[in-house]
Amino acid sequence: MSTLLADIEMFLRDHQIAPTRFGKDALGDRHFVRQVRDGRRVWPETEQKVRSFMRSFAGREAA
């Protein structure tokens, strides 16, 4: 099973989205990705929101 950070990095690369844009769109926090890269603890509820955002984004792109 991959980590949240690895999944975010792959998402950013695959969708060519800036980390600040990702954080703002997913959580309203432009610093989220930088802070996670620096070791920020991510609560399960936050991880759920991020993963839900990534799933819905991929669904919108496919449509």
N, C-alpha and C. Protein backbone atom coordinates (compact mmCIF):
# COMPACT_ATOMS: atom_id res chain seq x y z
N MET A 1 0.85 -1.18 0.00
CA MET A 1 0.00 0.00 0.00
C MET A 1 0.89 1.24 0.00
N SER A 2 0.57 2.20 -0.83
CA SER A 2 1.41 3.39 -0.92
C SER A 2 0.98 4.44 0.11
N THR A 3 1.88 5.33 0.39
CA THR A 3 1.59 6.37 1.36
C THR A 3 0.82 7.51 0.70
N LEU A 4 0.22 8.32 1.53
CA LEU A 4 -0.51 9.47 1.02
C LEU A 4 0.41 10.40 0.23
N LEU A 5 1.58 10.68 0.77
CA LEU A 5 2.50 11.58 0.07
C LEU A 5 2.88 11.03 -1.30
N ALA A 6 3.17 9.75 -1.39
CA ALA A 6 3.51 9.16 -2.69
C ALA A 6 2.34 9.28 -3.66
N ASP A 7 1.13 9.08 -3.16
CA ASP A 7 -0.05 9.21 -4.02
C ASP A 7 -0.26 10.66 -4.47
N ILE A 8 -0.01 11.60 -3.58
CA ILE A 8 -0.13 13.01 -3.95
C ILE A 8 0.91 13.37 -5.00
N GLU A 9 2.14 12.94 -4.79
CA GLU A 9 3.21 13.25 -5.75
C GLU A 9 2.88 12.69 -7.14
N MET A 10 2.36 11.48 -7.17
CA MET A 10 1.98 10.86 -8.45
C MET A 10 0.83 11.65 -9.09
N PHE A 11 -0.13 12.05 -8.28
CA PHE A 11 -1.27 12.83 -8.77
C PHE A 11 -0.80 14.15 -9.36
N LEU A 12 0.09 14.84 -8.65
CA LEU A 12 0.62 16.12 -9.14
C LEU A 12 1.32 15.93 -10.48
N ARG A 13 2.12 14.89 -10.58
CA ARG A 13 2.85 14.62 -11.82
C ARG A 13 1.89 14.24 -12.95
N ASP A 14 0.97 13.34 -12.67
CA ASP A 14 0.06 12.86 -13.71
C ASP A 14 -0.87 13.95 -14.24
N HIS A 15 -1.29 14.86 -13.35
CA HIS A 15 -2.27 15.89 -13.74
C HIS A 15 -1.64 17.26 -13.94
N GLN A 16 -0.32 17.32 -13.76
CA GLN A 16 0.44 18.56 -13.96
C GLN A 16 -0.19 19.73 -13.18
N ILE A 17 -0.37 19.50 -11.90
CA ILE A 17 -0.94 20.50 -11.01
C ILE A 17 0.14 20.95 -10.03
N ALA A 18 0.20 22.22 -9.76
CA ALA A 18 1.15 22.75 -8.78
C ALA A 18 0.73 22.32 -7.38
N PRO A 19 1.69 22.07 -6.52
CA PRO A 19 1.37 21.67 -5.14
C PRO A 19 0.48 22.68 -4.41
N THR A 20 0.71 23.96 -4.64
CA THR A 20 -0.11 24.97 -3.96
C THR A 20 -1.55 24.93 -4.46
N ARG A 21 -1.72 24.70 -5.75
CA ARG A 21 -3.07 24.60 -6.31
C ARG A 21 -3.79 23.37 -5.76
N PHE A 22 -3.07 22.26 -5.68
CA PHE A 22 -3.64 21.04 -5.13
C PHE A 22 -4.13 21.27 -3.70
N GLY A 23 -3.28 21.84 -2.87
CA GLY A 23 -3.65 22.08 -1.48
C GLY A 23 -4.84 23.01 -1.34
N LYS A 24 -4.86 24.05 -2.16
CA LYS A 24 -5.97 25.02 -2.12
C LYS A 24 -7.27 24.36 -2.56
N ASP A 25 -7.23 23.62 -3.65
CA ASP A 25 -8.44 22.99 -4.16
C ASP A 25 -8.94 21.85 -3.27
N ALA A 26 -8.01 21.07 -2.73
CA ALA A 26 -8.40 19.90 -1.93
C ALA A 26 -8.84 20.28 -0.52
N LEU A 27 -8.13 21.25 0.08
CA LEU A 27 -8.37 21.52 1.50
C LEU A 27 -8.48 23.01 1.84
N GLY A 28 -8.25 23.86 0.87
CA GLY A 28 -8.22 25.29 1.17
C GLY A 28 -6.94 25.70 1.88
N ASP A 29 -5.87 24.90 1.72
CA ASP A 29 -4.60 25.14 2.40
C ASP A 29 -3.47 25.04 1.38
N ARG A 30 -3.01 26.20 0.91
CA ARG A 30 -1.97 26.23 -0.13
C ARG A 30 -0.66 25.61 0.33
N HIS A 31 -0.44 25.50 1.63
CA HIS A 31 0.82 25.00 2.16
C HIS A 31 0.79 23.51 2.49
N PHE A 32 -0.33 22.86 2.27
CA PHE A 32 -0.50 21.47 2.68
C PHE A 32 0.58 20.55 2.14
N VAL A 33 0.82 20.55 0.84
CA VAL A 33 1.78 19.61 0.24
C VAL A 33 3.19 19.87 0.77
N ARG A 34 3.59 21.13 0.84
CA ARG A 34 4.92 21.45 1.37
C ARG A 34 5.06 20.95 2.80
N GLN A 35 4.03 21.15 3.60
CA GLN A 35 4.09 20.73 4.99
C GLN A 35 4.12 19.21 5.12
N VAL A 36 3.38 18.51 4.28
CA VAL A 36 3.41 17.05 4.31
C VAL A 36 4.79 16.56 3.88
N ARG A 37 5.37 17.20 2.88
CA ARG A 37 6.73 16.85 2.46
C ARG A 37 7.73 17.05 3.60
N ASP A 38 7.45 18.03 4.45
CA ASP A 38 8.33 18.33 5.59
C ASP A 38 8.01 17.50 6.82
N GLY A 39 7.05 16.57 6.70
CA GLY A 39 6.76 15.67 7.81
C GLY A 39 5.50 15.95 8.61
N ARG A 40 4.66 16.85 8.12
CA ARG A 40 3.42 17.16 8.82
C ARG A 40 2.59 15.90 9.02
N ARG A 41 2.03 15.74 10.20
CA ARG A 41 1.14 14.62 10.46
C ARG A 41 -0.20 14.92 9.80
N VAL A 42 -0.75 13.92 9.13
CA VAL A 42 -2.04 14.07 8.46
C VAL A 42 -3.05 13.21 9.20
N TRP A 43 -4.08 13.84 9.71
CA TRP A 43 -5.13 13.14 10.42
C TRP A 43 -5.95 12.29 9.44
N PRO A 44 -6.53 11.20 9.91
CA PRO A 44 -7.31 10.32 9.01
C PRO A 44 -8.42 11.06 8.28
N GLU A 45 -9.06 12.00 8.94
CA GLU A 45 -10.15 12.75 8.29
C GLU A 45 -9.61 13.61 7.15
N THR A 46 -8.42 14.17 7.34
CA THR A 46 -7.80 14.98 6.30
C THR A 46 -7.38 14.10 5.13
N GLU A 47 -6.82 12.94 5.44
CA GLU A 47 -6.44 12.01 4.37
C GLU A 47 -7.65 11.61 3.56
N GLN A 48 -8.77 11.38 4.23
CA GLN A 48 -10.01 11.03 3.52
C GLN A 48 -10.42 12.13 2.56
N LYS A 49 -10.36 13.38 3.01
CA LYS A 49 -10.72 14.52 2.16
C LYS A 49 -9.81 14.60 0.94
N VAL A 50 -8.50 14.41 1.16
CA VAL A 50 -7.54 14.49 0.07
C VAL A 50 -7.78 13.37 -0.94
N ARG A 51 -7.96 12.16 -0.45
CA ARG A 51 -8.20 11.04 -1.37
C ARG A 51 -9.53 11.20 -2.12
N SER A 52 -10.53 11.71 -1.45
CA SER A 52 -11.81 11.96 -2.10
C SER A 52 -11.65 13.01 -3.20
N PHE A 53 -10.88 14.06 -2.92
CA PHE A 53 -10.62 15.08 -3.93
C PHE A 53 -9.94 14.46 -5.15
N MET A 54 -8.93 13.62 -4.92
CA MET A 54 -8.20 13.02 -6.04
C MET A 54 -9.12 12.12 -6.86
N ARG A 55 -9.97 11.35 -6.20
CA ARG A 55 -10.91 10.49 -6.92
C ARG A 55 -11.89 11.32 -7.74
N SER A 56 -12.45 12.36 -7.15
CA SER A 56 -13.44 13.18 -7.87
C SER A 56 -12.79 13.95 -9.01
N PHE A 57 -11.55 14.39 -8.83
CA PHE A 57 -10.84 15.11 -9.88
C PHE A 57 -10.63 14.21 -11.08
N ALA A 58 -10.19 12.98 -10.81
CA ALA A 58 -9.98 12.03 -11.90
C ALA A 58 -11.28 11.74 -12.62
N GLY A 59 -12.38 11.66 -11.87
CA GLY A 59 -13.69 11.43 -12.48
C GLY A 59 -14.14 12.59 -13.35
N ARG A 60 -13.86 13.81 -12.92
CA ARG A 60 -14.21 14.98 -13.74
C ARG A 60 -13.41 15.03 -15.02
N GLU A 61 -12.14 14.63 -14.94
CA GLU A 61 -11.29 14.62 -16.13
C GLU A 61 -11.77 13.60 -17.14
N ALA A 62 -12.25 12.45 -16.65
CA ALA A 62 -12.69 11.39 -17.55
C ALA A 62 -13.98 11.75 -18.25
N ALA A 63 -14.77 12.60 -17.63
CA ALA A 63 -16.10 12.97 -18.20
C ALA A 63 -15.99 13.92 -19.36
